[in-house]
Amino acid sequence: MMKNVEKVAEDLYLIKQPLEDIFTGVTVIIGGKSVGVVDTGLETTPTEYILPLLSELGHEPGKIDWAVNTHSHDDHILGNRLLKEKTNAKIAVHELDAEAVGMVDLKLKDGDAIKLGERLFRIVHTPGHTAGSICLYDEKSQTLLTGDSVQGRGVEEGQVFLTATKEEYVRSMKRLLTLKISTVVLAHPYRPFRKAVVTGEEPKEIILQSIDAVEAQAM
């Protein structure tokens, strides 16, 4: 397996795009006929990581049909342009972040479904980090891809970054607690676990830690 890639499941891979002293997660979902990507990283992430990973796994770039952005921040979307140029990918993002992202082919809403690889994900709108932040929930495998929606105690202790209100963020986290979750894939190595893939009892714990951290944080 190529450097900076973690295999989460047989069809799901997490690319850890280096970003200063941490990383930004880019998730690749492999299907028989198509490939989906969640977040596209930095400008060079497609050519340095996404396409080489596909090649290593024996798949052509043209199999990528969708790239979903979890929100509009640069380290999650700057690869959009190059990915569209190199593949058949269309860009999907929540409607509230669509203007900031640009080049959007599909504006998502809460409750929408999108097929990535062989998995069907439901869009869960989780405002807080941005107004249009989303999670992608695969009910069958109880897998949740969170982008920066779930921040635990932050990359640095107690630093939870919000553009929406504290109350909106807490509501979003409490909503996630109602889902059956076995695996959470985070976009950064958030505390307290300092890793991007959390399983077992850890998903509930990091969501609860997210609530505790933001409620204790001066806004």
N, C-alpha and C. Protein backbone atom coordinates (compact mmCIF):
# COMPACT_ATOMS: atom_id res chain seq x y z
N MET A 1 0.84 -1.20 0.00
CA MET A 1 0.00 0.00 0.00
C MET A 1 0.88 1.25 0.00
N MET A 2 0.50 2.21 -0.84
CA MET A 2 1.29 3.43 -0.95
C MET A 2 1.30 4.21 0.37
N LYS A 3 2.31 5.04 0.50
CA LYS A 3 2.51 5.83 1.71
C LYS A 3 1.32 6.75 1.96
N ASN A 4 1.02 6.98 3.24
CA ASN A 4 -0.03 7.90 3.68
C ASN A 4 -1.44 7.44 3.29
N VAL A 5 -1.63 6.14 3.14
CA VAL A 5 -2.95 5.59 2.85
C VAL A 5 -3.29 4.54 3.91
N GLU A 6 -4.51 4.64 4.47
CA GLU A 6 -4.99 3.65 5.44
C GLU A 6 -6.19 2.93 4.84
N LYS A 7 -6.12 1.61 4.84
CA LYS A 7 -7.25 0.80 4.36
C LYS A 7 -8.25 0.66 5.49
N VAL A 8 -9.43 1.21 5.29
CA VAL A 8 -10.48 1.17 6.32
C VAL A 8 -11.35 -0.07 6.15
N ALA A 9 -11.65 -0.41 4.90
CA ALA A 9 -12.43 -1.61 4.56
C ALA A 9 -11.95 -2.06 3.18
N GLU A 10 -12.48 -3.19 2.72
CA GLU A 10 -12.03 -3.73 1.43
C GLU A 10 -12.22 -2.73 0.30
N ASP A 11 -13.24 -1.89 0.42
CA ASP A 11 -13.55 -0.95 -0.67
C ASP A 11 -13.36 0.51 -0.27
N LEU A 12 -12.79 0.76 0.91
CA LEU A 12 -12.73 2.13 1.41
C LEU A 12 -11.32 2.44 1.92
N TYR A 13 -10.74 3.50 1.37
CA TYR A 13 -9.36 3.87 1.67
C TYR A 13 -9.30 5.34 2.08
N LEU A 14 -8.49 5.62 3.10
CA LEU A 14 -8.30 6.99 3.56
C LEU A 14 -6.90 7.47 3.19
N ILE A 15 -6.85 8.49 2.33
CA ILE A 15 -5.59 9.15 2.00
C ILE A 15 -5.34 10.24 3.04
N LYS A 16 -4.15 10.24 3.61
CA LYS A 16 -3.79 11.26 4.60
C LYS A 16 -2.87 12.27 3.95
N GLN A 17 -3.49 13.28 3.32
CA GLN A 17 -2.74 14.32 2.62
C GLN A 17 -2.00 15.18 3.65
N PRO A 18 -0.65 15.17 3.62
CA PRO A 18 0.09 15.98 4.60
C PRO A 18 -0.31 17.45 4.54
N LEU A 19 -0.50 18.04 5.72
CA LEU A 19 -0.89 19.44 5.84
C LEU A 19 -0.20 19.99 7.07
N GLU A 20 0.89 20.73 6.85
CA GLU A 20 1.72 21.23 7.94
C GLU A 20 2.12 20.04 8.83
N ASP A 21 1.77 20.05 10.11
CA ASP A 21 2.19 18.94 10.96
C ASP A 21 1.07 17.94 11.22
N ILE A 22 -0.03 18.04 10.44
CA ILE A 22 -1.11 17.05 10.56
C ILE A 22 -1.42 16.50 9.16
N PHE A 23 -2.67 16.16 8.91
CA PHE A 23 -3.08 15.74 7.57
C PHE A 23 -4.55 16.05 7.37
N THR A 24 -4.95 16.10 6.10
CA THR A 24 -6.35 16.18 5.73
C THR A 24 -6.75 14.87 5.09
N GLY A 25 -7.86 14.31 5.52
CA GLY A 25 -8.30 13.03 4.99
C GLY A 25 -9.07 13.17 3.70
N VAL A 26 -8.75 12.32 2.74
CA VAL A 26 -9.47 12.19 1.48
C VAL A 26 -9.89 10.72 1.38
N THR A 27 -11.18 10.46 1.28
CA THR A 27 -11.68 9.09 1.28
C THR A 27 -12.00 8.64 -0.14
N VAL A 28 -11.55 7.44 -0.48
CA VAL A 28 -11.79 6.87 -1.80
C VAL A 28 -12.59 5.58 -1.61
N ILE A 29 -13.73 5.48 -2.30
CA ILE A 29 -14.61 4.32 -2.20
C ILE A 29 -14.61 3.61 -3.54
N ILE A 30 -14.17 2.36 -3.55
CA ILE A 30 -13.97 1.60 -4.78
C ILE A 30 -15.17 0.70 -5.04
N GLY A 31 -15.74 0.83 -6.23
CA GLY A 31 -16.81 -0.07 -6.66
C GLY A 31 -16.40 -0.81 -7.91
N GLY A 32 -17.21 -1.78 -8.30
CA GLY A 32 -16.89 -2.56 -9.49
C GLY A 32 -16.90 -1.73 -10.76
N LYS A 33 -17.87 -0.83 -10.86
CA LYS A 33 -18.01 -0.03 -12.08
C LYS A 33 -17.69 1.43 -11.87
N SER A 34 -17.63 1.89 -10.63
CA SER A 34 -17.39 3.31 -10.39
C SER A 34 -16.62 3.50 -9.10
N VAL A 35 -16.04 4.69 -8.96
CA VAL A 35 -15.28 5.08 -7.78
C VAL A 35 -15.78 6.42 -7.29
N GLY A 36 -15.95 6.56 -6.00
CA GLY A 36 -16.34 7.84 -5.42
C GLY A 36 -15.23 8.38 -4.54
N VAL A 37 -15.19 9.70 -4.43
CA VAL A 37 -14.19 10.38 -3.61
C VAL A 37 -14.91 11.34 -2.67
N VAL A 38 -14.50 11.38 -1.43
CA VAL A 38 -15.04 12.35 -0.47
C VAL A 38 -13.91 13.28 -0.07
N ASP A 39 -14.05 14.54 -0.46
CA ASP A 39 -13.04 15.60 -0.35
C ASP A 39 -11.88 15.31 -1.31
N THR A 40 -11.26 16.38 -1.78
CA THR A 40 -10.22 16.21 -2.82
C THR A 40 -8.88 16.77 -2.40
N GLY A 41 -8.77 17.30 -1.17
CA GLY A 41 -7.49 17.72 -0.65
C GLY A 41 -6.96 19.00 -1.29
N LEU A 42 -5.65 19.04 -1.46
CA LEU A 42 -4.96 20.21 -2.00
C LEU A 42 -4.88 20.14 -3.52
N GLU A 43 -4.29 21.16 -4.13
CA GLU A 43 -4.26 21.23 -5.60
C GLU A 43 -3.66 19.99 -6.24
N THR A 44 -2.62 19.44 -5.62
CA THR A 44 -1.91 18.31 -6.23
C THR A 44 -2.34 16.95 -5.69
N THR A 45 -3.30 16.91 -4.78
CA THR A 45 -3.72 15.63 -4.20
C THR A 45 -4.19 14.63 -5.25
N PRO A 46 -4.96 15.04 -6.27
CA PRO A 46 -5.37 14.05 -7.27
C PRO A 46 -4.21 13.35 -7.96
N THR A 47 -3.19 14.11 -8.39
CA THR A 47 -2.09 13.49 -9.12
C THR A 47 -1.07 12.82 -8.20
N GLU A 48 -0.94 13.31 -6.98
CA GLU A 48 0.04 12.73 -6.06
C GLU A 48 -0.50 11.54 -5.28
N TYR A 49 -1.82 11.49 -5.06
CA TYR A 49 -2.38 10.45 -4.21
C TYR A 49 -3.57 9.71 -4.80
N ILE A 50 -4.60 10.44 -5.24
CA ILE A 50 -5.83 9.76 -5.64
C ILE A 50 -5.62 8.87 -6.87
N LEU A 51 -5.07 9.42 -7.93
CA LEU A 51 -4.89 8.63 -9.15
C LEU A 51 -3.84 7.53 -8.98
N PRO A 52 -2.70 7.79 -8.29
CA PRO A 52 -1.76 6.68 -8.04
C PRO A 52 -2.38 5.55 -7.21
N LEU A 53 -3.24 5.88 -6.25
CA LEU A 53 -3.90 4.84 -5.47
C LEU A 53 -4.79 3.99 -6.36
N LEU A 54 -5.57 4.65 -7.21
CA LEU A 54 -6.43 3.90 -8.13
C LEU A 54 -5.60 2.98 -9.02
N SER A 55 -4.49 3.49 -9.53
CA SER A 55 -3.63 2.68 -10.39
C SER A 55 -3.10 1.47 -9.64
N GLU A 56 -2.69 1.68 -8.38
CA GLU A 56 -2.18 0.58 -7.57
C GLU A 56 -3.24 -0.49 -7.36
N LEU A 57 -4.50 -0.05 -7.26
CA LEU A 57 -5.60 -0.99 -7.02
C LEU A 57 -6.18 -1.55 -8.31
N GLY A 58 -5.63 -1.12 -9.46
CA GLY A 58 -6.05 -1.66 -10.75
C GLY A 58 -7.28 -1.01 -11.34
N HIS A 59 -7.48 0.29 -11.07
CA HIS A 59 -8.65 1.00 -11.58
C HIS A 59 -8.23 2.21 -12.41
N GLU A 60 -9.04 2.50 -13.43
CA GLU A 60 -8.77 3.64 -14.31
C GLU A 60 -9.35 4.93 -13.73
N PRO A 61 -8.71 6.08 -14.01
CA PRO A 61 -9.23 7.37 -13.51
C PRO A 61 -10.66 7.64 -13.95
N GLY A 62 -11.03 7.16 -15.12
CA GLY A 62 -12.37 7.42 -15.64
C GLY A 62 -13.49 6.80 -14.84
N LYS A 63 -13.15 5.91 -13.90
CA LYS A 63 -14.18 5.28 -13.07
C LYS A 63 -14.69 6.22 -11.98
N ILE A 64 -13.95 7.31 -11.71
CA ILE A 64 -14.42 8.26 -10.69
C ILE A 64 -15.59 9.04 -11.26
N ASP A 65 -16.76 8.87 -10.67
CA ASP A 65 -17.94 9.58 -11.16
C ASP A 65 -18.36 10.73 -10.25
N TRP A 66 -18.12 10.61 -8.93
CA TRP A 66 -18.52 11.68 -8.01
C TRP A 66 -17.42 12.00 -7.02
N ALA A 67 -17.26 13.28 -6.75
CA ALA A 67 -16.44 13.75 -5.65
C ALA A 67 -17.34 14.63 -4.78
N VAL A 68 -17.52 14.23 -3.54
CA VAL A 68 -18.38 14.97 -2.61
C VAL A 68 -17.48 15.76 -1.67
N ASN A 69 -17.73 17.06 -1.58
CA ASN A 69 -17.02 17.91 -0.62
C ASN A 69 -17.83 17.98 0.67
N THR A 70 -17.19 17.70 1.80
CA THR A 70 -17.91 17.76 3.07
C THR A 70 -18.16 19.18 3.52
N HIS A 71 -17.34 20.11 3.03
CA HIS A 71 -17.55 21.53 3.29
C HIS A 71 -16.60 22.32 2.40
N SER A 72 -16.58 23.64 2.54
CA SER A 72 -15.97 24.51 1.54
C SER A 72 -14.55 24.96 1.84
N HIS A 73 -13.90 24.43 2.86
CA HIS A 73 -12.55 24.91 3.18
C HIS A 73 -11.51 24.36 2.22
N ASP A 74 -10.47 25.19 1.99
CA ASP A 74 -9.51 24.92 0.92
C ASP A 74 -8.87 23.54 0.97
N ASP A 75 -8.50 23.07 2.15
CA ASP A 75 -7.78 21.79 2.21
C ASP A 75 -8.67 20.60 1.89
N HIS A 76 -9.96 20.85 1.65
CA HIS A 76 -10.89 19.79 1.28
C HIS A 76 -11.38 19.91 -0.17
N ILE A 77 -11.12 21.05 -0.82
CA ILE A 77 -11.71 21.27 -2.14
C ILE A 77 -10.73 21.68 -3.23
N LEU A 78 -9.49 21.99 -2.87
CA LEU A 78 -8.59 22.54 -3.89
C LEU A 78 -8.24 21.53 -4.98
N GLY A 79 -8.43 20.25 -4.71
CA GLY A 79 -8.19 19.24 -5.74
C GLY A 79 -9.34 19.08 -6.73
N ASN A 80 -10.45 19.79 -6.51
CA ASN A 80 -11.62 19.63 -7.38
C ASN A 80 -11.30 19.87 -8.85
N ARG A 81 -10.65 20.98 -9.13
CA ARG A 81 -10.42 21.36 -10.52
C ARG A 81 -9.60 20.30 -11.27
N LEU A 82 -8.50 19.89 -10.66
CA LEU A 82 -7.63 18.92 -11.32
C LEU A 82 -8.32 17.56 -11.44
N LEU A 83 -9.10 17.17 -10.44
CA LEU A 83 -9.80 15.90 -10.51
C LEU A 83 -10.81 15.91 -11.65
N LYS A 84 -11.51 17.03 -11.83
CA LYS A 84 -12.46 17.14 -12.94
C LYS A 84 -11.73 17.08 -14.29
N GLU A 85 -10.55 17.69 -14.35
CA GLU A 85 -9.81 17.68 -15.61
C GLU A 85 -9.29 16.29 -15.97
N LYS A 86 -8.90 15.52 -14.96
CA LYS A 86 -8.25 14.23 -15.19
C LYS A 86 -9.21 13.04 -15.24
N THR A 87 -10.46 13.24 -14.78
CA THR A 87 -11.39 12.12 -14.65
C THR A 87 -12.78 12.55 -15.12
N ASN A 88 -13.76 11.69 -14.88
CA ASN A 88 -15.15 12.01 -15.20
C ASN A 88 -15.90 12.56 -14.00
N ALA A 89 -15.17 12.95 -12.97
CA ALA A 89 -15.81 13.32 -11.70
C ALA A 89 -16.69 14.56 -11.82
N LYS A 90 -17.84 14.46 -11.18
CA LYS A 90 -18.71 15.61 -10.95
C LYS A 90 -18.63 15.96 -9.46
N ILE A 91 -18.81 17.24 -9.17
CA ILE A 91 -18.63 17.73 -7.80
C ILE A 91 -19.99 17.93 -7.13
N ALA A 92 -20.13 17.40 -5.92
CA ALA A 92 -21.35 17.58 -5.13
C ALA A 92 -20.99 18.19 -3.79
N VAL A 93 -21.82 19.12 -3.32
CA VAL A 93 -21.59 19.79 -2.04
C VAL A 93 -22.94 20.29 -1.53
N HIS A 94 -23.06 20.49 -0.24
CA HIS A 94 -24.31 21.01 0.30
C HIS A 94 -24.59 22.38 -0.29
N GLU A 95 -25.87 22.67 -0.51
CA GLU A 95 -26.26 23.90 -1.17
C GLU A 95 -25.77 25.16 -0.45
N LEU A 96 -25.61 25.11 0.87
CA LEU A 96 -25.18 26.30 1.60
C LEU A 96 -23.69 26.61 1.43
N ASP A 97 -22.91 25.63 1.00
CA ASP A 97 -21.49 25.85 0.74
C ASP A 97 -21.15 25.88 -0.74
N ALA A 98 -22.16 25.72 -1.59
CA ALA A 98 -21.93 25.57 -3.03
C ALA A 98 -21.29 26.81 -3.64
N GLU A 99 -21.74 27.99 -3.25
CA GLU A 99 -21.18 29.21 -3.84
C GLU A 99 -19.71 29.36 -3.50
N ALA A 100 -19.33 29.02 -2.28
CA ALA A 100 -17.93 29.13 -1.87
C ALA A 100 -17.05 28.12 -2.60
N VAL A 101 -17.61 26.97 -2.93
CA VAL A 101 -16.83 25.92 -3.61
C VAL A 101 -16.69 26.23 -5.10
N GLY A 102 -17.79 26.58 -5.76
CA GLY A 102 -17.75 26.80 -7.21
C GLY A 102 -17.62 25.49 -7.97
N MET A 103 -17.84 25.52 -9.26
CA MET A 103 -17.73 24.33 -10.13
C MET A 103 -18.58 23.16 -9.63
N VAL A 104 -19.72 23.45 -9.03
CA VAL A 104 -20.54 22.41 -8.41
C VAL A 104 -21.55 21.87 -9.42
N ASP A 105 -21.61 20.55 -9.52
CA ASP A 105 -22.55 19.90 -10.44
C ASP A 105 -23.83 19.48 -9.75
N LEU A 106 -23.77 19.27 -8.43
CA LEU A 106 -24.95 18.84 -7.68
C LEU A 106 -24.96 19.51 -6.32
N LYS A 107 -26.05 20.21 -6.01
CA LYS A 107 -26.21 20.84 -4.70
C LYS A 107 -27.03 19.90 -3.81
N LEU A 108 -26.40 19.47 -2.74
CA LEU A 108 -27.00 18.48 -1.85
C LEU A 108 -27.85 19.13 -0.77
N LYS A 109 -28.83 18.36 -0.29
CA LYS A 109 -29.65 18.77 0.84
C LYS A 109 -29.67 17.63 1.86
N ASP A 110 -30.05 17.97 3.07
CA ASP A 110 -30.17 16.97 4.12
C ASP A 110 -31.12 15.87 3.67
N GLY A 111 -30.71 14.62 3.87
CA GLY A 111 -31.56 13.49 3.53
C GLY A 111 -31.35 12.95 2.13
N ASP A 112 -30.63 13.67 1.28
CA ASP A 112 -30.33 13.16 -0.06
C ASP A 112 -29.50 11.89 0.04
N ALA A 113 -29.55 11.08 -1.00
CA ALA A 113 -28.74 9.87 -1.07
C ALA A 113 -27.82 9.97 -2.29
N ILE A 114 -26.61 9.46 -2.14
CA ILE A 114 -25.67 9.44 -3.25
C ILE A 114 -24.88 8.14 -3.20
N LYS A 115 -24.73 7.51 -4.37
CA LYS A 115 -24.01 6.25 -4.45
C LYS A 115 -22.55 6.51 -4.78
N LEU A 116 -21.66 6.02 -3.94
CA LEU A 116 -20.23 6.13 -4.13
C LEU A 116 -19.67 4.71 -4.12
N GLY A 117 -19.08 4.30 -5.24
CA GLY A 117 -18.71 2.90 -5.37
C GLY A 117 -19.97 2.06 -5.30
N GLU A 118 -19.96 1.04 -4.43
CA GLU A 118 -21.15 0.21 -4.24
C GLU A 118 -21.94 0.62 -3.01
N ARG A 119 -21.52 1.69 -2.35
CA ARG A 119 -22.17 2.10 -1.11
C ARG A 119 -23.17 3.23 -1.36
N LEU A 120 -24.28 3.17 -0.65
CA LEU A 120 -25.27 4.24 -0.70
C LEU A 120 -25.15 5.05 0.58
N PHE A 121 -24.83 6.33 0.42
CA PHE A 121 -24.65 7.22 1.56
C PHE A 121 -25.82 8.19 1.66
N ARG A 122 -26.26 8.43 2.88
CA ARG A 122 -27.26 9.46 3.13
C ARG A 122 -26.55 10.71 3.62
N ILE A 123 -26.97 11.85 3.10
CA ILE A 123 -26.39 13.13 3.50
C ILE A 123 -27.02 13.59 4.81
N VAL A 124 -26.16 13.85 5.80
CA VAL A 124 -26.62 14.37 7.09
C VAL A 124 -26.05 15.77 7.24
N HIS A 125 -26.91 16.75 7.17
CA HIS A 125 -26.47 18.15 7.28
C HIS A 125 -26.09 18.43 8.74
N THR A 126 -24.84 18.83 8.95
CA THR A 126 -24.32 19.05 10.31
C THR A 126 -23.66 20.42 10.40
N PRO A 127 -24.44 21.50 10.35
CA PRO A 127 -23.85 22.84 10.43
C PRO A 127 -23.10 23.05 11.73
N GLY A 128 -22.05 23.83 11.63
CA GLY A 128 -21.20 24.13 12.78
C GLY A 128 -19.87 24.62 12.29
N HIS A 129 -19.06 23.71 11.74
CA HIS A 129 -17.77 24.10 11.19
C HIS A 129 -17.97 25.08 10.05
N THR A 130 -18.92 24.79 9.16
CA THR A 130 -19.44 25.75 8.19
C THR A 130 -20.95 25.57 8.14
N ALA A 131 -21.63 26.50 7.48
CA ALA A 131 -23.09 26.39 7.38
C ALA A 131 -23.51 25.16 6.59
N GLY A 132 -22.70 24.78 5.61
CA GLY A 132 -23.05 23.65 4.74
C GLY A 132 -22.29 22.38 5.04
N SER A 133 -21.70 22.26 6.21
CA SER A 133 -20.98 21.03 6.56
C SER A 133 -21.92 19.83 6.54
N ILE A 134 -21.41 18.72 6.03
CA ILE A 134 -22.20 17.49 5.98
C ILE A 134 -21.38 16.30 6.45
N CYS A 135 -22.10 15.26 6.86
CA CYS A 135 -21.54 13.93 7.04
C CYS A 135 -22.20 13.01 6.03
N LEU A 136 -21.54 11.93 5.70
CA LEU A 136 -22.09 10.92 4.80
C LEU A 136 -22.24 9.63 5.59
N TYR A 137 -23.46 9.10 5.62
CA TYR A 137 -23.77 7.95 6.48
C TYR A 137 -24.18 6.76 5.64
N ASP A 138 -23.41 5.67 5.78
CA ASP A 138 -23.73 4.40 5.15
C ASP A 138 -24.39 3.52 6.21
N GLU A 139 -25.70 3.45 6.16
CA GLU A 139 -26.44 2.73 7.21
C GLU A 139 -26.12 1.25 7.22
N LYS A 140 -25.90 0.67 6.05
CA LYS A 140 -25.66 -0.78 5.96
C LYS A 140 -24.42 -1.19 6.75
N SER A 141 -23.34 -0.44 6.60
CA SER A 141 -22.10 -0.77 7.31
C SER A 141 -21.92 0.05 8.59
N GLN A 142 -22.87 0.95 8.85
CA GLN A 142 -22.81 1.85 10.02
C GLN A 142 -21.52 2.66 10.02
N THR A 143 -21.19 3.17 8.83
CA THR A 143 -19.97 3.97 8.64
C THR A 143 -20.35 5.43 8.43
N LEU A 144 -19.67 6.33 9.12
CA LEU A 144 -19.94 7.76 9.02
C LEU A 144 -18.66 8.49 8.61
N LEU A 145 -18.73 9.21 7.49
CA LEU A 145 -17.63 10.05 7.04
C LEU A 145 -17.97 11.48 7.44
N THR A 146 -17.12 12.11 8.25
CA THR A 146 -17.54 13.34 8.92
C THR A 146 -16.87 14.62 8.44
N GLY A 147 -15.84 14.54 7.58
CA GLY A 147 -15.13 15.76 7.25
C GLY A 147 -14.64 16.43 8.53
N ASP A 148 -14.94 17.72 8.68
CA ASP A 148 -14.57 18.44 9.90
C ASP A 148 -15.78 18.68 10.80
N SER A 149 -16.87 17.96 10.55
CA SER A 149 -18.06 18.17 11.38
C SER A 149 -17.83 17.72 12.81
N VAL A 150 -17.22 16.56 12.98
CA VAL A 150 -16.90 16.05 14.32
C VAL A 150 -15.45 16.40 14.60
N GLN A 151 -15.22 17.29 15.57
CA GLN A 151 -13.87 17.77 15.84
C GLN A 151 -13.31 17.31 17.18
N GLY A 152 -14.04 16.48 17.90
CA GLY A 152 -13.53 16.02 19.19
C GLY A 152 -13.10 17.20 20.04
N ARG A 153 -11.89 17.12 20.56
CA ARG A 153 -11.36 18.21 21.36
C ARG A 153 -10.42 19.09 20.52
N GLY A 154 -10.51 18.96 19.21
CA GLY A 154 -9.70 19.77 18.32
C GLY A 154 -8.37 19.12 18.01
N VAL A 155 -7.71 19.62 16.98
CA VAL A 155 -6.35 19.17 16.68
C VAL A 155 -5.43 19.63 17.80
N GLU A 156 -5.64 20.88 18.25
CA GLU A 156 -4.99 21.39 19.45
C GLU A 156 -6.05 21.44 20.54
N GLU A 157 -5.69 21.05 21.73
CA GLU A 157 -6.66 20.90 22.82
C GLU A 157 -7.57 22.11 22.97
N GLY A 158 -8.88 21.84 22.88
CA GLY A 158 -9.87 22.87 23.11
C GLY A 158 -10.09 23.84 21.96
N GLN A 159 -9.48 23.58 20.78
CA GLN A 159 -9.65 24.47 19.64
C GLN A 159 -10.62 23.86 18.64
N VAL A 160 -11.90 24.14 18.83
CA VAL A 160 -12.96 23.69 17.92
C VAL A 160 -13.35 24.88 17.06
N PHE A 161 -13.19 24.75 15.75
CA PHE A 161 -13.38 25.90 14.86
C PHE A 161 -14.77 25.87 14.25
N LEU A 162 -15.56 26.91 14.55
CA LEU A 162 -16.94 27.01 14.08
C LEU A 162 -17.14 28.32 13.32
N THR A 163 -18.00 28.26 12.32
CA THR A 163 -18.48 29.49 11.69
C THR A 163 -19.96 29.68 12.00
N ALA A 164 -20.64 28.60 12.36
CA ALA A 164 -22.02 28.70 12.83
C ALA A 164 -21.99 28.87 14.35
N THR A 165 -23.15 28.87 14.96
CA THR A 165 -23.20 29.08 16.41
C THR A 165 -22.87 27.80 17.17
N LYS A 166 -22.47 27.99 18.42
CA LYS A 166 -22.21 26.86 19.30
C LYS A 166 -23.45 25.97 19.41
N GLU A 167 -24.62 26.60 19.50
CA GLU A 167 -25.86 25.85 19.64
C GLU A 167 -26.14 24.97 18.42
N GLU A 168 -25.85 25.51 17.21
CA GLU A 168 -26.04 24.72 15.99
C GLU A 168 -25.12 23.51 15.99
N TYR A 169 -23.88 23.72 16.40
CA TYR A 169 -22.91 22.63 16.42
C TYR A 169 -23.35 21.53 17.39
N VAL A 170 -23.78 21.93 18.56
CA VAL A 170 -24.23 20.94 19.56
C VAL A 170 -25.43 20.17 19.04
N ARG A 171 -26.37 20.85 18.38
CA ARG A 171 -27.53 20.15 17.80
C ARG A 171 -27.06 19.14 16.76
N SER A 172 -26.09 19.52 15.95
CA SER A 172 -25.57 18.60 14.94
C SER A 172 -24.97 17.36 15.59
N MET A 173 -24.18 17.55 16.64
CA MET A 173 -23.55 16.42 17.31
C MET A 173 -24.60 15.52 17.97
N LYS A 174 -25.60 16.12 18.59
CA LYS A 174 -26.65 15.32 19.22
C LYS A 174 -27.43 14.52 18.19
N ARG A 175 -27.58 15.08 17.01
CA ARG A 175 -28.25 14.33 15.94
C ARG A 175 -27.43 13.11 15.54
N LEU A 176 -26.12 13.26 15.46
CA LEU A 176 -25.26 12.12 15.11
C LEU A 176 -25.34 11.02 16.16
N LEU A 177 -25.56 11.40 17.40
CA LEU A 177 -25.67 10.41 18.47
C LEU A 177 -26.88 9.49 18.30
N THR A 178 -27.84 9.88 17.47
CA THR A 178 -29.03 9.05 17.24
C THR A 178 -28.77 7.97 16.19
N LEU A 179 -27.64 8.05 15.49
CA LEU A 179 -27.33 7.08 14.44
C LEU A 179 -26.60 5.87 15.03
N LYS A 180 -26.78 4.73 14.41
CA LYS A 180 -26.00 3.54 14.76
C LYS A 180 -24.69 3.61 13.99
N ILE A 181 -23.59 3.78 14.71
CA ILE A 181 -22.29 4.01 14.08
C ILE A 181 -21.26 3.01 14.62
N SER A 182 -20.62 2.30 13.70
CA SER A 182 -19.54 1.39 14.08
C SER A 182 -18.17 1.97 13.76
N THR A 183 -18.12 2.78 12.68
CA THR A 183 -16.84 3.37 12.24
C THR A 183 -17.06 4.81 11.86
N VAL A 184 -16.20 5.69 12.37
CA VAL A 184 -16.18 7.08 11.95
C VAL A 184 -14.85 7.37 11.27
N VAL A 185 -14.92 8.01 10.12
CA VAL A 185 -13.71 8.46 9.42
C VAL A 185 -13.67 9.98 9.50
N LEU A 186 -12.70 10.50 10.26
CA LEU A 186 -12.52 11.93 10.47
C LEU A 186 -11.58 12.49 9.42
N ALA A 187 -11.59 13.81 9.25
CA ALA A 187 -10.72 14.43 8.26
C ALA A 187 -9.35 14.81 8.80
N HIS A 188 -9.22 14.88 10.12
CA HIS A 188 -7.95 15.23 10.75
C HIS A 188 -7.77 14.36 12.00
N PRO A 189 -6.57 14.26 12.54
CA PRO A 189 -6.34 13.45 13.75
C PRO A 189 -6.76 14.19 15.01
N TYR A 190 -8.08 14.30 15.18
CA TYR A 190 -8.60 15.07 16.30
C TYR A 190 -8.37 14.37 17.63
N ARG A 191 -8.16 15.19 18.67
CA ARG A 191 -8.09 14.67 20.04
C ARG A 191 -9.48 14.21 20.48
N PRO A 192 -9.60 13.26 21.40
CA PRO A 192 -8.52 12.71 22.21
C PRO A 192 -7.78 11.55 21.57
N PHE A 193 -8.29 11.02 20.45
CA PHE A 193 -7.69 9.80 19.91
C PHE A 193 -6.51 10.06 18.97
N ARG A 194 -6.46 11.26 18.38
CA ARG A 194 -5.36 11.65 17.50
C ARG A 194 -5.17 10.68 16.34
N LYS A 195 -6.27 10.23 15.82
CA LYS A 195 -6.26 9.39 14.62
C LYS A 195 -7.54 9.68 13.86
N ALA A 196 -7.61 9.21 12.61
CA ALA A 196 -8.73 9.57 11.76
C ALA A 196 -9.81 8.50 11.68
N VAL A 197 -9.47 7.27 12.01
CA VAL A 197 -10.45 6.18 11.95
C VAL A 197 -10.72 5.69 13.36
N VAL A 198 -11.95 5.87 13.82
CA VAL A 198 -12.32 5.45 15.17
C VAL A 198 -13.44 4.42 15.09
N THR A 199 -13.36 3.39 15.94
CA THR A 199 -14.29 2.27 15.86
C THR A 199 -14.75 1.86 17.26
N GLY A 200 -15.68 0.93 17.28
CA GLY A 200 -16.16 0.39 18.56
C GLY A 200 -16.91 1.44 19.36
N GLU A 201 -16.44 1.70 20.58
CA GLU A 201 -17.06 2.71 21.44
C GLU A 201 -16.52 4.12 21.16
N GLU A 202 -15.45 4.20 20.36
CA GLU A 202 -14.81 5.50 20.11
C GLU A 202 -15.70 6.49 19.36
N PRO A 203 -16.51 6.06 18.36
CA PRO A 203 -17.36 7.05 17.68
C PRO A 203 -18.27 7.84 18.62
N LYS A 204 -18.95 7.14 19.52
CA LYS A 204 -19.81 7.84 20.48
C LYS A 204 -18.99 8.76 21.36
N GLU A 205 -17.83 8.28 21.78
CA GLU A 205 -16.99 9.06 22.69
C GLU A 205 -16.50 10.35 22.03
N ILE A 206 -16.08 10.28 20.76
CA ILE A 206 -15.54 11.49 20.15
C ILE A 206 -16.64 12.50 19.85
N ILE A 207 -17.86 12.02 19.60
CA ILE A 207 -18.99 12.94 19.42
C ILE A 207 -19.32 13.63 20.74
N LEU A 208 -19.34 12.86 21.83
CA LEU A 208 -19.57 13.45 23.15
C LEU A 208 -18.46 14.43 23.53
N GLN A 209 -17.23 14.07 23.20
CA GLN A 209 -16.10 14.98 23.46
C GLN A 209 -16.25 16.26 22.65
N SER A 210 -16.80 16.15 21.45
CA SER A 210 -17.04 17.34 20.62
C SER A 210 -17.99 18.31 21.32
N ILE A 211 -19.05 17.75 21.89
CA ILE A 211 -20.01 18.58 22.61
C ILE A 211 -19.37 19.22 23.84
N ASP A 212 -18.66 18.42 24.61
CA ASP A 212 -18.02 18.94 25.83
C ASP A 212 -17.02 20.05 25.50
N ALA A 213 -16.24 19.84 24.44
CA ALA A 213 -15.19 20.81 24.10
C ALA A 213 -15.77 22.15 23.69
N VAL A 214 -16.82 22.11 22.87
CA VAL A 214 -17.37 23.38 22.38
C VAL A 214 -18.15 24.09 23.47
N GLU A 215 -18.79 23.34 24.37
CA GLU A 215 -19.52 23.98 25.45
C GLU A 215 -18.58 24.64 26.45
N ALA A 216 -17.35 24.13 26.54
CA ALA A 216 -16.38 24.71 27.46
C ALA A 216 -15.57 25.85 26.83
N GLN A 217 -15.73 26.00 25.52
CA GLN A 217 -14.91 26.96 24.78
C GLN A 217 -15.57 28.34 24.76
N ALA A 218 -14.80 29.37 25.04
CA ALA A 218 -15.32 30.74 24.93
C ALA A 218 -15.50 31.07 23.46
N MET A 219 -16.65 31.59 23.10
CA MET A 219 -16.92 31.90 21.69
C MET A 219 -17.00 33.42 21.49
